[in-house]
Amino acid sequence: MVTVLKQGATKERIKRILKQLKKESESKGIDAYKYLGKIKLKKDALVIQKELRNEWE
């Protein structure tokens, strides 16, 4: 997306453009904090990762 700011733009115009850009950028991606603490592991995550890597050898 390209935004053009012309010389002599007012502060209000710049604020509106910035607000619009922020609104558009928020809609992309996922909210990772929504899933925080949802999985309960019985082992340490590093131990699980090492076990999974060793399976391929």
C-alpha atoms as a PDB file:
ATOM      1  CA  MET A   1       0.000   0.000   0.000  1.00  0.00           C
ATOM      2  CA  VAL A   2       1.252   3.451  -0.869  1.00  0.00           C
ATOM      3  CA  THR A   3       0.305   6.547   1.059  1.00  0.00           C
ATOM      4  CA  VAL A   4       1.096   9.961  -0.353  1.00  0.00           C
ATOM      5  CA  LEU A   5       1.586  12.914   1.938  1.00  0.00           C
ATOM      6  CA  LYS A   6       1.679  16.158   0.047  1.00  0.00           C
ATOM      7  CA  GLN A   7       3.716  19.070   1.221  1.00  0.00           C
ATOM      8  CA  GLY A   8       1.641  21.341   3.413  1.00  0.00           C
ATOM      9  CA  ALA A   9      -0.662  18.594   4.715  1.00  0.00           C
ATOM     10  CA  THR A  10      -2.380  19.531   7.945  1.00  0.00           C
ATOM     11  CA  LYS A  11      -1.868  17.694  11.208  1.00  0.00           C
ATOM     12  CA  GLU A  12      -5.475  16.496  11.104  1.00  0.00           C
ATOM     13  CA  ARG A  13      -4.987  15.003   7.637  1.00  0.00           C
ATOM     14  CA  ILE A  14      -1.818  13.209   8.768  1.00  0.00           C
ATOM     15  CA  LYS A  15      -3.576  11.874  11.875  1.00  0.00           C
ATOM     16  CA  ARG A  16      -6.444  10.500   9.749  1.00  0.00           C
ATOM     17  CA  ILE A  17      -4.005   8.761   7.415  1.00  0.00           C
ATOM     18  CA  LEU A  18      -2.083   7.235  10.327  1.00  0.00           C
ATOM     19  CA  LYS A  19      -5.321   6.079  11.944  1.00  0.00           C
ATOM     20  CA  GLN A  20      -6.407   4.426   8.706  1.00  0.00           C
ATOM     21  CA  LEU A  21      -3.040   2.672   8.299  1.00  0.00           C
ATOM     22  CA  LYS A  22      -3.179   1.382  11.860  1.00  0.00           C
ATOM     23  CA  LYS A  23      -6.709   0.074  11.339  1.00  0.00           C
ATOM     24  CA  GLU A  24      -5.677  -1.802   8.179  1.00  0.00           C
ATOM     25  CA  SER A  25      -2.558  -3.314   9.743  1.00  0.00           C
ATOM     26  CA  GLU A  26      -4.436  -4.630  12.802  1.00  0.00           C
ATOM     27  CA  SER A  27      -6.676  -6.855  10.710  1.00  0.00           C
ATOM     28  CA  LYS A  28      -3.779  -9.091   9.590  1.00  0.00           C
ATOM     29  CA  GLY A  29      -2.366 -11.943  11.626  1.00  0.00           C
ATOM     30  CA  ILE A  30      -3.580 -13.788  14.684  1.00  0.00           C
ATOM     31  CA  ASP A  31      -3.815 -12.933  18.336  1.00  0.00           C
ATOM     32  CA  ALA A  32      -1.170 -15.236  19.859  1.00  0.00           C
ATOM     33  CA  TYR A  33      -2.037 -14.158  23.398  1.00  0.00           C
ATOM     34  CA  LYS A  34      -5.412 -15.836  22.980  1.00  0.00           C
ATOM     35  CA  TYR A  35      -3.639 -19.227  23.139  1.00  0.00           C
ATOM     36  CA  LEU A  36      -1.237 -18.385  25.956  1.00  0.00           C
ATOM     37  CA  GLY A  37      -1.268 -21.039  28.688  1.00  0.00           C
ATOM     38  CA  LYS A  38      -3.802 -23.309  26.955  1.00  0.00           C
ATOM     39  CA  ILE A  39      -1.496 -26.341  26.599  1.00  0.00           C
ATOM     40  CA  LYS A  40      -0.432 -28.239  29.695  1.00  0.00           C
ATOM     41  CA  LEU A  41       2.760 -30.226  29.091  1.00  0.00           C
ATOM     42  CA  LYS A  42       3.853 -33.143  31.242  1.00  0.00           C
ATOM     43  CA  LYS A  43       7.491 -32.756  30.137  1.00  0.00           C
ATOM     44  CA  ASP A  44       9.761 -29.804  29.563  1.00  0.00           C
ATOM     45  CA  ALA A  45       9.335 -28.355  26.067  1.00  0.00           C
ATOM     46  CA  LEU A  46      13.070 -28.612  25.346  1.00  0.00           C
ATOM     47  CA  VAL A  47      13.064 -32.328  26.223  1.00  0.00           C
ATOM     48  CA  ILE A  48      10.120 -32.926  23.889  1.00  0.00           C
ATOM     49  CA  GLN A  49      11.867 -31.041  21.096  1.00  0.00           C
ATOM     50  CA  LYS A  50      15.072 -33.093  21.492  1.00  0.00           C
ATOM     51  CA  GLU A  51      13.095 -36.354  21.468  1.00  0.00           C
ATOM     52  CA  LEU A  52      11.328 -35.367  18.262  1.00  0.00           C
ATOM     53  CA  ARG A  53      14.609 -34.459  16.579  1.00  0.00           C
ATOM     54  CA  ASN A  54      16.207 -37.748  17.647  1.00  0.00           C
ATOM     55  CA  GLU A  55      13.387 -39.724  16.002  1.00  0.00           C
ATOM     56  CA  TRP A  56      14.637 -38.687  12.557  1.00  0.00           C
ATOM     57  CA  GLU A  57      18.157 -40.024  13.075  1.00  0.00           C
END
